[in-house]
Protein backbone atom coordinates (compact mmCIF):
# COMPACT_ATOMS: atom_id res chain seq x y z
CA MET A 1 -13.80 4.88 4.34
CA ARG A 2 -10.60 5.89 5.88
CA ARG A 3 -11.52 6.43 9.34
CA ARG A 4 -12.57 3.98 12.08
CA GLU A 5 -15.45 6.06 12.94
CA GLY A 6 -16.92 5.92 9.47
CA LEU A 7 -16.59 2.21 9.30
CA ASP A 8 -18.10 1.70 12.56
CA GLU A 9 -21.07 3.77 11.56
CA LEU A 10 -21.50 2.06 8.24
CA LEU A 11 -20.98 -1.44 9.70
CA GLY A 12 -22.80 -1.01 13.03
CA ALA A 13 -25.98 -0.20 11.13
CA ALA A 14 -25.67 -3.49 9.27
CA GLY A 15 -25.39 -5.42 12.64
CA PHE A 16 -21.62 -5.66 12.93
CA GLU A 17 -19.51 -4.98 16.10
CA PRO A 18 -17.01 -2.15 16.32
CA VAL A 19 -13.98 -2.66 14.03
CA SER A 20 -10.46 -3.49 15.38
CA TRP A 21 -7.81 -1.44 13.41
CA ASN A 22 -4.26 -2.46 12.87
CA LEU A 23 -1.62 -0.75 10.92
CA ILE A 24 1.14 -2.60 9.07
CA ASP A 25 4.13 -0.92 7.62
CA LEU A 26 5.41 -2.59 4.48
CA ASP A 27 9.07 -1.88 3.81
CA PHE A 28 10.11 -1.95 0.09
CA GLY A 29 13.25 -0.21 0.54
CA GLY A 30 16.75 -1.34 -0.73
CA PRO A 31 19.10 -0.69 -3.56
CA GLU A 32 17.71 1.44 -6.31
CA ALA A 33 17.26 -1.40 -8.79
CA ASP A 34 15.46 -3.52 -6.30
CA VAL A 35 12.94 -0.68 -5.46
CA TRP A 36 12.44 -0.08 -9.06
CA ALA A 37 11.62 -3.63 -9.76
CA ARG A 38 9.21 -3.97 -6.74
CA CYS A 39 7.40 -0.73 -7.57
CA CYS A 40 7.20 -1.34 -11.16
CA GLU A 41 5.71 -4.85 -10.57
CA MET A 42 3.27 -3.67 -7.93
CA PHE A 43 2.04 -0.23 -8.69
CA TYR A 44 2.52 0.56 -12.35
CA PRO A 45 0.55 -1.02 -15.29
CA VAL A 46 3.78 -1.26 -17.38
CA ASP A 47 2.61 -4.13 -19.55
CA THR A 48 1.04 -1.44 -21.80
CA LEU A 49 4.50 0.18 -22.45
CA ASP A 50 6.83 -0.79 -25.15
CA ALA A 51 10.50 -1.36 -24.35
CA THR A 52 11.59 2.28 -25.25
CA GLN A 53 8.82 3.77 -23.13
CA LEU A 54 9.60 1.41 -20.10
CA LYS A 55 13.41 2.31 -20.42
CA ARG A 56 12.59 5.96 -20.45
CA LEU A 57 10.40 5.49 -17.39
CA GLU A 58 13.09 3.61 -15.48
CA SER A 59 15.70 6.30 -16.47
CA ASN A 60 13.34 9.05 -15.17
CA PHE A 61 12.92 7.05 -11.99
CA ARG A 62 16.63 6.69 -11.46
CA GLU A 63 17.17 10.30 -12.23
CA GLU A 64 14.50 11.47 -9.86
CA THR A 65 15.72 9.09 -6.95
CA ARG A 66 19.52 9.56 -7.43
CA ASP A 67 20.01 11.77 -4.52
CA LEU A 68 17.51 10.15 -2.19
CA ALA A 69 19.56 6.93 -1.25
CA VAL A 70 21.34 6.79 1.93
CA ASN A 71 24.23 4.28 2.10
CA GLY A 72 23.05 2.84 -1.13
CA ARG A 73 19.50 2.21 0.28
CA LEU A 74 16.52 3.92 -1.16
CA ARG A 75 13.52 4.27 1.25
CA ALA A 76 10.21 3.02 -0.15
CA GLY A 77 7.12 1.56 1.45
CA LEU A 78 3.50 1.79 2.31
CA ASN A 79 1.14 1.47 5.13
CA MET A 80 -1.77 -1.15 5.19
CA ARG A 81 -4.66 -0.91 7.30
CA ILE A 82 -6.10 -4.20 8.41
CA VAL A 83 -9.63 -3.94 9.51
CA GLU A 84 -11.66 -6.68 11.39
CA THR A 85 -15.13 -6.92 12.72
CA ARG A 86 -17.77 -9.60 13.42
CA LEU A 87 -21.40 -9.78 12.94
CA ARG A 88 -23.07 -9.27 16.30
CA GLN A 89 -24.55 -12.35 17.85
CA GLU A 90 -28.16 -11.54 19.00
CA LEU A 91 -29.14 -13.27 22.13
CA PRO A 92 -32.20 -15.52 22.06
CA ARG A 93 -35.33 -13.87 23.42
């Protein structure tokens, strides 16, 4: 589910209130070496690579991002959606 309407439909049928939806921007940008380390730790299952494969992957990363840095800073990040809801409180009859 990536849309508020879809979540509201799904959760509303189960007795939940409409969702509140907040977007958080996470900035992982910085020097190329820092971006490599952050992204490598967070997104890539590099523990299955041997040292040669990991070095080749890092080399490819540096080659592909070489011209993307501005003033020594490489832009990187992601958006995270935080969705909250509560179970509807039924009034006593």
